[in-house]
């Protein structure tokens, strides 16, 4: 009794069957692709039975839906382009209008600030009048007292007479200066009232322009958001239509496969591409060869003595496991 040969043969056969199975799966996929291609190329040129005709009718229905989806996607794309152009045009218009309003705002603010500066400067001068009048009154009293004292002196030198003349002239000038100060004060007060009255409408005008600018921005943001939302909605609809089209294109493969099987079974090749049928024949031949190889391998396994094969497999596997463990032990130590 050979304890090794049956197990070694079976391990070899199982390895070959694994590779052959993988090759068979690939060959089946290629055969189905070839049948689908054959159905796609030749489905319009043959008469079918009622069951196969249903597959053909299904293809017609799917293509009608696909045609509608293509038109729908194109319409959504056109709408998206139109909305995008509208959005860009609205953006340009908004920016141009905003520039004009900003220029108007700058001019209004500049006039208001200029008036505020003039008003501030006049308000700084106003306390000077209130302070200067009492100062002149004190000076006039002091001068009158000095003038009286100088007049009471018996001996007056030329220097004293010049001082009398200076004091007298100053006494006469002070009332005129006070009158001028009062006049200037009244004029300044009038100018202050005028500037204050002018400042209110200027401030209101600047505030109105600022509010108009904010409203323009708010309106634009609302419109832009609405356009952007509509564009996103149309884009989602377009993507959904294209995705549905692709799903239907994939769904057509099964009807084409069924039609291709009928065409291949009947030996009908497409008129414009007859090599499609030959491609199916080659794929079917390869599938048949691989299936035969698998059957022969299984028959060889079945021909082995079961108990002897089982014992041999256990022995071979045990030897392989021990060998692997020894190799790993040597490798890591």
C-alpha atoms as a PDB file:
ATOM      1  CA  UNK A   1       0.000   0.000   0.000  1.00  0.00           C
ATOM      2  CA  UNK A   2       1.369   3.404  -1.052  1.00  0.00           C
ATOM      3  CA  UNK A   3       0.657   5.951   1.689  1.00  0.00           C
ATOM      4  CA  UNK A   4       1.880   9.004  -0.199  1.00  0.00           C
ATOM      5  CA  UNK A   5       0.993   8.680  -3.891  1.00  0.00           C
ATOM      6  CA  UNK A   6      -2.848   8.905  -3.605  1.00  0.00           C
ATOM      7  CA  UNK A   7      -2.696  12.013  -1.412  1.00  0.00           C
ATOM      8  CA  UNK A   8      -0.115  13.726  -3.608  1.00  0.00           C
ATOM      9  CA  UNK A   9      -2.179  12.967  -6.716  1.00  0.00           C
ATOM     10  CA  UNK A  10      -5.355  14.269  -5.092  1.00  0.00           C
ATOM     11  CA  UNK A  11      -3.697  17.452  -3.865  1.00  0.00           C
ATOM     12  CA  UNK A  12      -2.426  18.034  -7.395  1.00  0.00           C
ATOM     13  CA  UNK A  13      -5.869  17.348  -8.879  1.00  0.00           C
ATOM     14  CA  UNK A  14      -7.562  19.729  -6.414  1.00  0.00           C
ATOM     15  CA  UNK A  15      -5.067  22.455  -7.223  1.00  0.00           C
ATOM     16  CA  UNK A  16      -5.680  21.978 -10.930  1.00  0.00           C
ATOM     17  CA  UNK A  17      -9.465  21.965 -10.341  1.00  0.00           C
ATOM     18  CA  UNK A  18      -9.217  25.230  -8.437  1.00  0.00           C
ATOM     19  CA  UNK A  19      -7.355  26.889 -11.325  1.00  0.00           C
ATOM     20  CA  UNK A  20      -9.714  25.297 -13.857  1.00  0.00           C
ATOM     21  CA  UNK A  21     -12.767  26.537 -11.909  1.00  0.00           C
ATOM     22  CA  UNK A  22     -11.416  30.081 -11.939  1.00  0.00           C
ATOM     23  CA  UNK A  23     -10.728  29.795 -15.656  1.00  0.00           C
ATOM     24  CA  UNK A  24     -14.238  28.411 -16.183  1.00  0.00           C
ATOM     25  CA  UNK A  25     -15.797  31.376 -14.358  1.00  0.00           C
ATOM     26  CA  UNK A  26     -13.831  33.756 -16.547  1.00  0.00           C
ATOM     27  CA  UNK A  27     -14.788  31.798 -19.666  1.00  0.00           C
ATOM     28  CA  UNK A  28     -18.476  31.853 -18.664  1.00  0.00           C
ATOM     29  CA  UNK A  29     -18.278  35.609 -18.226  1.00  0.00           C
ATOM     30  CA  UNK A  30     -16.678  35.993 -21.649  1.00  0.00           C
ATOM     31  CA  UNK A  31     -19.310  33.709 -23.180  1.00  0.00           C
ATOM     32  CA  UNK A  32     -22.138  35.750 -21.652  1.00  0.00           C
ATOM     33  CA  UNK A  33     -20.517  38.938 -22.911  1.00  0.00           C
ATOM     34  CA  UNK A  34     -20.240  37.417 -26.370  1.00  0.00           C
ATOM     35  CA  UNK A  35     -23.887  36.292 -26.265  1.00  0.00           C
ATOM     36  CA  UNK A  36     -24.952  39.753 -25.091  1.00  0.00           C
ATOM     37  CA  UNK A  37     -22.989  41.342 -27.919  1.00  0.00           C
ATOM     38  CA  UNK A  38     -24.567  38.908 -30.389  1.00  0.00           C
ATOM     39  CA  UNK A  39     -28.045  39.776 -29.082  1.00  0.00           C
ATOM     40  CA  UNK A  40     -27.262  43.482 -29.272  1.00  0.00           C
ATOM     41  CA  UNK A  41     -26.084  43.247 -32.880  1.00  0.00           C
ATOM     42  CA  UNK A  42     -28.679  40.838 -34.208  1.00  0.00           C
ATOM     43  CA  UNK A  43     -31.864  41.310 -32.212  1.00  0.00           C
ATOM     44  CA  UNK A  44     -33.626  43.259 -34.997  1.00  0.00           C
ATOM     45  CA  UNK A  45     -33.041  40.857 -37.874  1.00  0.00           C
ATOM     46  CA  UNK A  46     -34.680  37.596 -36.853  1.00  0.00           C
ATOM     47  CA  UNK A  47     -38.083  36.202 -36.000  1.00  0.00           C
ATOM     48  CA  UNK A  48     -38.419  34.814 -32.489  1.00  0.00           C
ATOM     49  CA  UNK A  49     -40.817  32.696 -30.545  1.00  0.00           C
ATOM     50  CA  UNK A  50     -43.302  34.347 -28.208  1.00  0.00           C
ATOM     51  CA  UNK A  51     -41.060  34.093 -25.132  1.00  0.00           C
ATOM     52  CA  UNK A  52     -38.037  35.556 -26.891  1.00  0.00           C
ATOM     53  CA  UNK A  53     -40.188  38.200 -28.530  1.00  0.00           C
ATOM     54  CA  UNK A  54     -41.056  39.392 -25.039  1.00  0.00           C
ATOM     55  CA  UNK A  55     -37.348  40.014 -24.483  1.00  0.00           C
ATOM     56  CA  UNK A  56     -37.223  41.993 -27.724  1.00  0.00           C
ATOM     57  CA  UNK A  57     -40.286  43.994 -26.701  1.00  0.00           C
ATOM     58  CA  UNK A  58     -38.640  44.661 -23.354  1.00  0.00           C
ATOM     59  CA  UNK A  59     -35.597  46.032 -25.175  1.00  0.00           C
ATOM     60  CA  UNK A  60     -37.907  48.327 -27.190  1.00  0.00           C
ATOM     61  CA  UNK A  61     -39.572  49.551 -24.008  1.00  0.00           C
ATOM     62  CA  UNK A  62     -36.249  50.182 -22.304  1.00  0.00           C
ATOM     63  CA  UNK A  63     -34.905  52.090 -25.295  1.00  0.00           C
ATOM     64  CA  UNK A  64     -38.013  54.268 -25.381  1.00  0.00           C
ATOM     65  CA  UNK A  65     -37.506  55.094 -21.710  1.00  0.00           C
ATOM     66  CA  UNK A  66     -33.821  55.730 -22.362  1.00  0.00           C
ATOM     67  CA  UNK A  67     -34.678  58.086 -25.212  1.00  0.00           C
ATOM     68  CA  UNK A  68     -36.958  60.005 -22.865  1.00  0.00           C
ATOM     69  CA  UNK A  69     -34.215  60.089 -20.226  1.00  0.00           C
ATOM     70  CA  UNK A  70     -31.680  61.406 -22.745  1.00  0.00           C
ATOM     71  CA  UNK A  71     -34.059  64.214 -23.697  1.00  0.00           C
ATOM     72  CA  UNK A  72     -34.784  64.916 -20.040  1.00  0.00           C
ATOM     73  CA  UNK A  73     -31.068  65.069 -19.161  1.00  0.00           C
ATOM     74  CA  UNK A  74     -30.434  67.370 -22.141  1.00  0.00           C
ATOM     75  CA  UNK A  75     -33.316  69.607 -21.087  1.00  0.00           C
ATOM     76  CA  UNK A  76     -31.994  69.768 -17.514  1.00  0.00           C
ATOM     77  CA  UNK A  77     -28.527  70.587 -18.851  1.00  0.00           C
ATOM     78  CA  UNK A  78     -29.940  73.398 -20.984  1.00  0.00           C
ATOM     79  CA  UNK A  79     -31.884  74.737 -18.007  1.00  0.00           C
ATOM     80  CA  UNK A  80     -28.759  74.605 -15.840  1.00  0.00           C
ATOM     81  CA  UNK A  81     -26.772  76.562 -18.427  1.00  0.00           C
ATOM     82  CA  UNK A  82     -29.546  79.154 -18.707  1.00  0.00           C
ATOM     83  CA  UNK A  83     -29.790  79.499 -14.917  1.00  0.00           C
ATOM     84  CA  UNK A  84     -26.015  79.788 -14.617  1.00  0.00           C
ATOM     85  CA  UNK A  85     -25.963  82.540 -17.259  1.00  0.00           C
ATOM     86  CA  UNK A  86     -28.843  84.298 -15.507  1.00  0.00           C
ATOM     87  CA  UNK A  87     -27.001  84.081 -12.201  1.00  0.00           C
ATOM     88  CA  UNK A  88     -23.804  85.506 -13.650  1.00  0.00           C
ATOM     89  CA  UNK A  89     -25.699  88.323 -15.392  1.00  0.00           C
ATOM     90  CA  UNK A  90     -27.565  89.111 -12.163  1.00  0.00           C
ATOM     91  CA  UNK A  91     -24.261  89.113 -10.265  1.00  0.00           C
ATOM     92  CA  UNK A  92     -22.709  91.579 -12.713  1.00  0.00           C
ATOM     93  CA  UNK A  93     -25.777  93.824 -12.571  1.00  0.00           C
ATOM     94  CA  UNK A  94     -25.751  93.733  -8.778  1.00  0.00           C
ATOM     95  CA  UNK A  95     -22.057  94.619  -8.622  1.00  0.00           C
ATOM     96  CA  UNK A  96     -22.512  97.536 -11.028  1.00  0.00           C
ATOM     97  CA  UNK A  97     -25.490  98.887  -9.085  1.00  0.00           C
ATOM     98  CA  UNK A  98     -23.614  98.380  -5.849  1.00  0.00           C
ATOM     99  CA  UNK A  99     -20.666 100.405  -7.128  1.00  0.00           C
ATOM    100  CA  UNK A 100     -23.021 103.276  -7.960  1.00  0.00           C
ATOM    101  CA  UNK A 101     -24.695 103.162  -4.558  1.00  0.00           C
ATOM    102  CA  UNK A 102     -21.316 102.895  -2.806  1.00  0.00           C
ATOM    103  CA  UNK A 103     -20.130 106.020  -4.680  1.00  0.00           C
ATOM    104  CA  UNK A 104     -23.327 107.798  -3.643  1.00  0.00           C
ATOM    105  CA  UNK A 105     -22.779 106.653  -0.057  1.00  0.00           C
ATOM    106  CA  UNK A 106     -19.166 107.848  -0.016  1.00  0.00           C
ATOM    107  CA  UNK A 107     -20.226 111.263  -1.320  1.00  0.00           C
ATOM    108  CA  UNK A 108     -23.070 111.513   1.209  1.00  0.00           C
ATOM    109  CA  UNK A 109     -20.806 110.472   4.088  1.00  0.00           C
ATOM    110  CA  UNK A 110     -18.118 112.893   2.948  1.00  0.00           C
ATOM    111  CA  UNK A 111     -20.578 115.821   2.943  1.00  0.00           C
ATOM    112  CA  UNK A 112     -21.903 114.768   6.344  1.00  0.00           C
ATOM    113  CA  UNK A 113     -18.428 114.458   7.840  1.00  0.00           C
ATOM    114  CA  UNK A 114     -17.398 117.806   6.382  1.00  0.00           C
ATOM    115  CA  UNK A 115     -20.454 119.430   7.993  1.00  0.00           C
ATOM    116  CA  UNK A 116     -19.662 117.680  11.277  1.00  0.00           C
ATOM    117  CA  UNK A 117     -16.099 119.044  11.187  1.00  0.00           C
ATOM    118  CA  UNK A 118     -17.364 122.577  10.548  1.00  0.00           C
ATOM    119  CA  UNK A 119     -19.877 122.213  13.362  1.00  0.00           C
ATOM    120  CA  UNK A 120     -17.217 120.909  15.751  1.00  0.00           C
ATOM    121  CA  UNK A 121     -14.895 123.796  14.880  1.00  0.00           C
ATOM    122  CA  UNK A 122     -17.633 126.386  15.542  1.00  0.00           C
ATOM    123  CA  UNK A 123     -18.576 124.755  18.819  1.00  0.00           C
ATOM    124  CA  UNK A 124     -14.987 125.093  19.934  1.00  0.00           C
ATOM    125  CA  UNK A 125     -15.137 128.838  19.229  1.00  0.00           C
ATOM    126  CA  UNK A 126     -18.435 129.411  21.054  1.00  0.00           C
ATOM    127  CA  UNK A 127     -17.011 129.255  24.609  1.00  0.00           C
ATOM    128  CA  UNK A 128     -14.469 131.937  23.640  1.00  0.00           C
ATOM    129  CA  UNK A 129     -17.243 134.533  23.294  1.00  0.00           C
ATOM    130  CA  UNK A 130     -18.735 133.695  26.675  1.00  0.00           C
ATOM    131  CA  UNK A 131     -15.327 133.883  28.314  1.00  0.00           C
ATOM    132  CA  UNK A 132     -14.149 137.014  26.474  1.00  0.00           C
ATOM    133  CA  UNK A 133     -17.096 139.274  27.436  1.00  0.00           C
ATOM    134  CA  UNK A 134     -16.494 139.027  31.233  1.00  0.00           C
ATOM    135  CA  UNK A 135     -12.777 139.523  30.606  1.00  0.00           C
ATOM    136  CA  UNK A 136     -13.499 142.758  28.723  1.00  0.00           C
ATOM    137  CA  UNK A 137     -15.853 143.926  31.506  1.00  0.00           C
ATOM    138  CA  UNK A 138     -13.139 143.370  34.106  1.00  0.00           C
ATOM    139  CA  UNK A 139     -10.610 145.111  31.906  1.00  0.00           C
ATOM    140  CA  UNK A 140     -12.976 148.091  31.464  1.00  0.00           C
ATOM    141  CA  UNK A 141     -13.467 148.439  35.222  1.00  0.00           C
ATOM    142  CA  UNK A 142      -9.744 148.274  35.815  1.00  0.00           C
ATOM    143  CA  UNK A 143      -9.094 150.847  33.105  1.00  0.00           C
ATOM    144  CA  UNK A 144     -11.752 153.231  34.456  1.00  0.00           C
ATOM    145  CA  UNK A 145     -10.210 152.964  37.898  1.00  0.00           C
ATOM    146  CA  UNK A 146      -6.721 153.544  36.505  1.00  0.00           C
ATOM    147  CA  UNK A 147      -7.963 156.450  34.417  1.00  0.00           C
ATOM    148  CA  UNK A 148      -9.521 158.095  37.469  1.00  0.00           C
ATOM    149  CA  UNK A 149      -6.383 157.644  39.492  1.00  0.00           C
ATOM    150  CA  UNK A 150      -4.267 159.174  36.747  1.00  0.00           C
ATOM    151  CA  UNK A 151      -6.591 162.168  36.472  1.00  0.00           C
ATOM    152  CA  UNK A 152      -6.385 162.826  40.231  1.00  0.00           C
ATOM    153  CA  UNK A 153      -2.607 163.147  40.152  1.00  0.00           C
ATOM    154  CA  UNK A 154      -1.472 166.776  40.407  1.00  0.00           C
ATOM    155  CA  UNK A 155       1.735 166.497  38.515  1.00  0.00           C
ATOM    156  CA  UNK A 156       1.449 164.668  35.192  1.00  0.00           C
ATOM    157  CA  UNK A 157       4.546 163.856  33.298  1.00  0.00           C
ATOM    158  CA  UNK A 158       4.580 163.326  29.531  1.00  0.00           C
ATOM    159  CA  UNK A 159       4.714 159.634  30.183  1.00  0.00           C
ATOM    160  CA  UNK A 160       1.591 159.829  32.348  1.00  0.00           C
ATOM    161  CA  UNK A 161      -0.243 161.818  29.682  1.00  0.00           C
ATOM    162  CA  UNK A 162       0.617 159.147  27.103  1.00  0.00           C
ATOM    163  CA  UNK A 163      -0.684 156.508  29.476  1.00  0.00           C
ATOM    164  CA  UNK A 164      -3.917 158.522  29.906  1.00  0.00           C
ATOM    165  CA  UNK A 165      -4.346 158.681  26.158  1.00  0.00           C
ATOM    166  CA  UNK A 166      -3.724 154.918  25.814  1.00  0.00           C
ATOM    167  CA  UNK A 167      -6.142 154.100  28.638  1.00  0.00           C
ATOM    168  CA  UNK A 168      -8.777 156.415  27.191  1.00  0.00           C
ATOM    169  CA  UNK A 169      -8.491 154.889  23.767  1.00  0.00           C
ATOM    170  CA  UNK A 170      -8.762 151.401  25.240  1.00  0.00           C
ATOM    171  CA  UNK A 171     -11.819 152.428  27.307  1.00  0.00           C
ATOM    172  CA  UNK A 172     -13.480 153.674  24.139  1.00  0.00           C
ATOM    173  CA  UNK A 173     -12.459 150.542  22.137  1.00  0.00           C
ATOM    174  CA  UNK A 174     -13.750 147.962  24.612  1.00  0.00           C
ATOM    175  CA  UNK A 175     -17.500 148.608  24.013  1.00  0.00           C
ATOM    176  CA  UNK A 176     -16.917 148.360  20.268  1.00  0.00           C
ATOM    177  CA  UNK A 177     -15.008 145.109  20.773  1.00  0.00           C
ATOM    178  CA  UNK A 178     -17.819 143.753  22.955  1.00  0.00           C
ATOM    179  CA  UNK A 179     -20.322 144.744  20.287  1.00  0.00           C
ATOM    180  CA  UNK A 180     -18.258 143.006  17.641  1.00  0.00           C
ATOM    181  CA  UNK A 181     -17.989 139.941  19.858  1.00  0.00           C
ATOM    182  CA  UNK A 182     -21.756 139.843  20.368  1.00  0.00           C
ATOM    183  CA  UNK A 183     -22.293 140.218  16.647  1.00  0.00           C
ATOM    184  CA  UNK A 184     -19.823 137.432  15.914  1.00  0.00           C
ATOM    185  CA  UNK A 185     -21.412 135.288  18.598  1.00  0.00           C
ATOM    186  CA  UNK A 186     -24.858 135.772  17.101  1.00  0.00           C
ATOM    187  CA  UNK A 187     -23.520 135.019  13.645  1.00  0.00           C
ATOM    188  CA  UNK A 188     -21.745 131.911  14.952  1.00  0.00           C
ATOM    189  CA  UNK A 189     -24.867 130.778  16.800  1.00  0.00           C
ATOM    190  CA  UNK A 190     -26.875 131.285  13.610  1.00  0.00           C
ATOM    191  CA  UNK A 191     -24.301 129.296  11.619  1.00  0.00           C
ATOM    192  CA  UNK A 192     -24.375 126.566  14.266  1.00  0.00           C
ATOM    193  CA  UNK A 193     -28.150 126.288  14.010  1.00  0.00           C
ATOM    194  CA  UNK A 194     -27.926 126.260  10.224  1.00  0.00           C
ATOM    195  CA  UNK A 195     -25.254 123.530  10.247  1.00  0.00           C
ATOM    196  CA  UNK A 196     -27.187 121.503  12.809  1.00  0.00           C
ATOM    197  CA  UNK A 197     -30.310 121.801  10.693  1.00  0.00           C
ATOM    198  CA  UNK A 198     -28.339 120.810   7.601  1.00  0.00           C
ATOM    199  CA  UNK A 199     -26.626 117.939   9.396  1.00  0.00           C
ATOM    200  CA  UNK A 200     -29.841 116.104  10.216  1.00  0.00           C
ATOM    201  CA  UNK A 201     -30.978 115.612   6.598  1.00  0.00           C
ATOM    202  CA  UNK A 202     -27.406 114.807   5.582  1.00  0.00           C
ATOM    203  CA  UNK A 203     -27.193 112.124   8.270  1.00  0.00           C
ATOM    204  CA  UNK A 204     -30.632 110.841   7.297  1.00  0.00           C
ATOM    205  CA  UNK A 205     -29.601 110.752   3.625  1.00  0.00           C
ATOM    206  CA  UNK A 206     -26.417 108.803   4.419  1.00  0.00           C
ATOM    207  CA  UNK A 207     -28.391 106.407   6.616  1.00  0.00           C
ATOM    208  CA  UNK A 208     -30.954 105.926   3.851  1.00  0.00           C
ATOM    209  CA  UNK A 209     -28.216 105.101   1.342  1.00  0.00           C
ATOM    210  CA  UNK A 210     -26.670 102.636   3.799  1.00  0.00           C
ATOM    211  CA  UNK A 211     -30.058 100.975   4.276  1.00  0.00           C
ATOM    212  CA  UNK A 212     -30.578 100.846   0.516  1.00  0.00           C
ATOM    213  CA  UNK A 213     -27.174  99.225   0.106  1.00  0.00           C
ATOM    214  CA  UNK A 214     -27.943  96.631   2.793  1.00  0.00           C
ATOM    215  CA  UNK A 215     -31.313  95.891   1.171  1.00  0.00           C
ATOM    216  CA  UNK A 216     -29.631  95.492  -2.228  1.00  0.00           C
ATOM    217  CA  UNK A 217     -27.179  93.007  -0.719  1.00  0.00           C
ATOM    218  CA  UNK A 218     -29.964  91.131   1.081  1.00  0.00           C
ATOM    219  CA  UNK A 219     -32.100  90.977  -2.078  1.00  0.00           C
ATOM    220  CA  UNK A 220     -29.147  89.776  -4.121  1.00  0.00           C
ATOM    221  CA  UNK A 221     -28.208  87.112  -1.561  1.00  0.00           C
ATOM    222  CA  UNK A 222     -31.817  85.895  -1.523  1.00  0.00           C
ATOM    223  CA  UNK A 223     -32.023  85.789  -5.319  1.00  0.00           C
ATOM    224  CA  UNK A 224     -28.592  84.181  -5.668  1.00  0.00           C
ATOM    225  CA  UNK A 225     -29.511  81.545  -3.079  1.00  0.00           C
ATOM    226  CA  UNK A 226     -32.754  80.817  -4.953  1.00  0.00           C
ATOM    227  CA  UNK A 227     -30.925  80.506  -8.291  1.00  0.00           C
ATOM    228  CA  UNK A 228     -28.226  78.342  -6.738  1.00  0.00           C
ATOM    229  CA  UNK A 229     -30.843  76.086  -5.128  1.00  0.00           C
ATOM    230  CA  UNK A 230     -32.674  75.759  -8.448  1.00  0.00           C
ATOM    231  CA  UNK A 231     -29.406  74.930 -10.232  1.00  0.00           C
ATOM    232  CA  UNK A 232     -28.625  72.252  -7.628  1.00  0.00           C
ATOM    233  CA  UNK A 233     -32.129  70.793  -8.016  1.00  0.00           C
ATOM    234  CA  UNK A 234     -31.819  70.641 -11.811  1.00  0.00           C
ATOM    235  CA  UNK A 235     -28.334  69.153 -11.475  1.00  0.00           C
ATOM    236  CA  UNK A 236     -29.671  66.429  -9.183  1.00  0.00           C
ATOM    237  CA  UNK A 237     -32.473  65.727 -11.657  1.00  0.00           C
ATOM    238  CA  UNK A 238     -29.985  65.528 -14.525  1.00  0.00           C
ATOM    239  CA  UNK A 239     -27.699  63.184 -12.568  1.00  0.00           C
ATOM    240  CA  UNK A 240     -30.699  61.037 -11.601  1.00  0.00           C
ATOM    241  CA  UNK A 241     -31.794  60.796 -15.250  1.00  0.00           C
ATOM    242  CA  UNK A 242     -28.272  59.823 -16.350  1.00  0.00           C
ATOM    243  CA  UNK A 243     -27.988  57.262 -13.535  1.00  0.00           C
ATOM    244  CA  UNK A 244     -31.372  55.791 -14.489  1.00  0.00           C
ATOM    245  CA  UNK A 245     -30.198  55.624 -18.101  1.00  0.00           C
ATOM    246  CA  UNK A 246     -27.095  53.672 -17.054  1.00  0.00           C
ATOM    247  CA  UNK A 247     -29.179  51.342 -14.895  1.00  0.00           C
ATOM    248  CA  UNK A 248     -31.472  50.646 -17.837  1.00  0.00           C
ATOM    249  CA  UNK A 249     -28.442  50.075 -20.065  1.00  0.00           C
ATOM    250  CA  UNK A 250     -27.227  47.453 -17.600  1.00  0.00           C
ATOM    251  CA  UNK A 251     -30.722  45.966 -17.348  1.00  0.00           C
ATOM    252  CA  UNK A 252     -30.777  45.504 -21.126  1.00  0.00           C
ATOM    253  CA  UNK A 253     -27.887  43.065 -20.891  1.00  0.00           C
ATOM    254  CA  UNK A 254     -30.144  40.246 -19.659  1.00  0.00           C
ATOM    255  CA  UNK A 255     -32.648  40.549 -22.566  1.00  0.00           C
ATOM    256  CA  UNK A 256     -29.748  40.816 -25.004  1.00  0.00           C
ATOM    257  CA  UNK A 257     -28.227  37.710 -23.416  1.00  0.00           C
ATOM    258  CA  UNK A 258     -31.468  35.775 -23.905  1.00  0.00           C
ATOM    259  CA  UNK A 259     -31.770  36.943 -27.498  1.00  0.00           C
ATOM    260  CA  UNK A 260     -28.116  36.091 -28.098  1.00  0.00           C
ATOM    261  CA  UNK A 261     -28.713  32.541 -26.832  1.00  0.00           C
ATOM    262  CA  UNK A 262     -31.586  32.145 -29.301  1.00  0.00           C
ATOM    263  CA  UNK A 263     -29.494  33.537 -32.157  1.00  0.00           C
ATOM    264  CA  UNK A 264     -26.563  31.305 -31.267  1.00  0.00           C
ATOM    265  CA  UNK A 265     -28.806  28.267 -30.984  1.00  0.00           C
ATOM    266  CA  UNK A 266     -30.301  29.050 -34.381  1.00  0.00           C
ATOM    267  CA  UNK A 267     -26.921  29.827 -35.914  1.00  0.00           C
ATOM    268  CA  UNK A 268     -27.979  33.349 -36.958  1.00  0.00           C
ATOM    269  CA  UNK A 269     -25.106  35.818 -37.304  1.00  0.00           C
ATOM    270  CA  UNK A 270     -25.564  39.611 -37.537  1.00  0.00           C
ATOM    271  CA  UNK A 271     -25.464  40.788 -41.128  1.00  0.00           C
ATOM    272  CA  UNK A 272     -23.061  43.629 -40.459  1.00  0.00           C
ATOM    273  CA  UNK A 273     -20.792  41.719 -38.020  1.00  0.00           C
ATOM    274  CA  UNK A 274     -20.987  37.956 -38.658  1.00  0.00           C
ATOM    275  CA  UNK A 275     -17.837  37.361 -36.600  1.00  0.00           C
ATOM    276  CA  UNK A 276     -19.926  37.924 -33.432  1.00  0.00           C
ATOM    277  CA  UNK A 277     -21.405  34.423 -33.842  1.00  0.00           C
ATOM    278  CA  UNK A 278     -17.925  32.908 -34.314  1.00  0.00           C
ATOM    279  CA  UNK A 279     -16.834  34.643 -31.128  1.00  0.00           C
ATOM    280  CA  UNK A 280     -19.705  32.994 -29.265  1.00  0.00           C
ATOM    281  CA  UNK A 281     -18.750  29.602 -30.713  1.00  0.00           C
ATOM    282  CA  UNK A 282     -15.146  29.987 -29.531  1.00  0.00           C
ATOM    283  CA  UNK A 283     -16.294  31.019 -26.064  1.00  0.00           C
ATOM    284  CA  UNK A 284     -18.690  28.057 -25.869  1.00  0.00           C
ATOM    285  CA  UNK A 285     -15.933  25.687 -26.980  1.00  0.00           C
ATOM    286  CA  UNK A 286     -13.604  26.961 -24.262  1.00  0.00           C
ATOM    287  CA  UNK A 287     -16.349  26.612 -21.641  1.00  0.00           C
ATOM    288  CA  UNK A 288     -17.062  23.048 -22.787  1.00  0.00           C
ATOM    289  CA  UNK A 289     -13.368  22.107 -22.666  1.00  0.00           C
ATOM    290  CA  UNK A 290     -12.987  23.435 -19.126  1.00  0.00           C
ATOM    291  CA  UNK A 291     -16.149  21.684 -17.974  1.00  0.00           C
ATOM    292  CA  UNK A 292     -14.866  18.402 -19.480  1.00  0.00           C
ATOM    293  CA  UNK A 293     -11.519  18.887 -17.695  1.00  0.00           C
ATOM    294  CA  UNK A 294     -13.331  19.384 -14.386  1.00  0.00           C
ATOM    295  CA  UNK A 295     -15.474  16.278 -14.953  1.00  0.00           C
ATOM    296  CA  UNK A 296     -12.408  14.181 -15.792  1.00  0.00           C
ATOM    297  CA  UNK A 297     -10.627  15.386 -12.637  1.00  0.00           C
ATOM    298  CA  UNK A 298     -13.629  14.521 -10.476  1.00  0.00           C
ATOM    299  CA  UNK A 299     -13.848  11.074 -12.150  1.00  0.00           C
ATOM    300  CA  UNK A 300     -10.167  10.464 -11.371  1.00  0.00           C
ATOM    301  CA  UNK A 301     -10.814  11.315  -7.741  1.00  0.00           C
ATOM    302  CA  UNK A 302     -13.831   9.016  -7.653  1.00  0.00           C
ATOM    303  CA  UNK A 303     -11.696   6.162  -9.043  1.00  0.00           C
ATOM    304  CA  UNK A 304      -9.376   6.255  -6.013  1.00  0.00           C
ATOM    305  CA  UNK A 305      -9.960   3.873  -3.094  1.00  0.00           C
ATOM    306  CA  UNK A 306     -11.779   6.157  -0.562  1.00  0.00           C
ATOM    307  CA  UNK A 307     -10.157   4.919   2.662  1.00  0.00           C
ATOM    308  CA  UNK A 308      -6.696   4.813   1.163  1.00  0.00           C
ATOM    309  CA  UNK A 309      -7.151   8.297  -0.292  1.00  0.00           C
ATOM    310  CA  UNK A 310      -8.412   9.688   3.038  1.00  0.00           C
ATOM    311  CA  UNK A 311      -5.489   8.240   4.980  1.00  0.00           C
ATOM    312  CA  UNK A 312      -2.987   9.458   2.412  1.00  0.00           C
ATOM    313  CA  UNK A 313      -4.438  12.979   2.472  1.00  0.00           C
ATOM    314  CA  UNK A 314      -4.271  13.105   6.266  1.00  0.00           C
ATOM    315  CA  UNK A 315      -0.653  11.957   6.190  1.00  0.00           C
ATOM    316  CA  UNK A 316       0.365  14.440   3.489  1.00  0.00           C
ATOM    317  CA  UNK A 317      -1.390  17.306   5.222  1.00  0.00           C
ATOM    318  CA  UNK A 318       0.192  16.384   8.578  1.00  0.00           C
ATOM    319  CA  UNK A 319       3.661  16.283   7.006  1.00  0.00           C
ATOM    320  CA  UNK A 320       3.028  19.667   5.326  1.00  0.00           C
ATOM    321  CA  UNK A 321       1.876  21.239   8.620  1.00  0.00           C
ATOM    322  CA  UNK A 322       4.873  19.884  10.583  1.00  0.00           C
ATOM    323  CA  UNK A 323       7.243  21.060   7.852  1.00  0.00           C
ATOM    324  CA  UNK A 324       5.687  24.515   7.918  1.00  0.00           C
ATOM    325  CA  UNK A 325       5.941  24.753  11.714  1.00  0.00           C
ATOM    326  CA  UNK A 326       9.605  23.696  11.637  1.00  0.00           C
ATOM    327  CA  UNK A 327      10.334  26.242   8.934  1.00  0.00           C
ATOM    328  CA  UNK A 328       8.677  29.015  10.966  1.00  0.00           C
ATOM    329  CA  UNK A 329      10.557  27.933  14.089  1.00  0.00           C
ATOM    330  CA  UNK A 330      13.883  28.089  12.286  1.00  0.00           C
ATOM    331  CA  UNK A 331      12.936  31.356  10.617  1.00  0.00           C
ATOM    332  CA  UNK A 332      12.113  33.190  13.869  1.00  0.00           C
ATOM    333  CA  UNK A 333      14.929  31.708  15.970  1.00  0.00           C
END
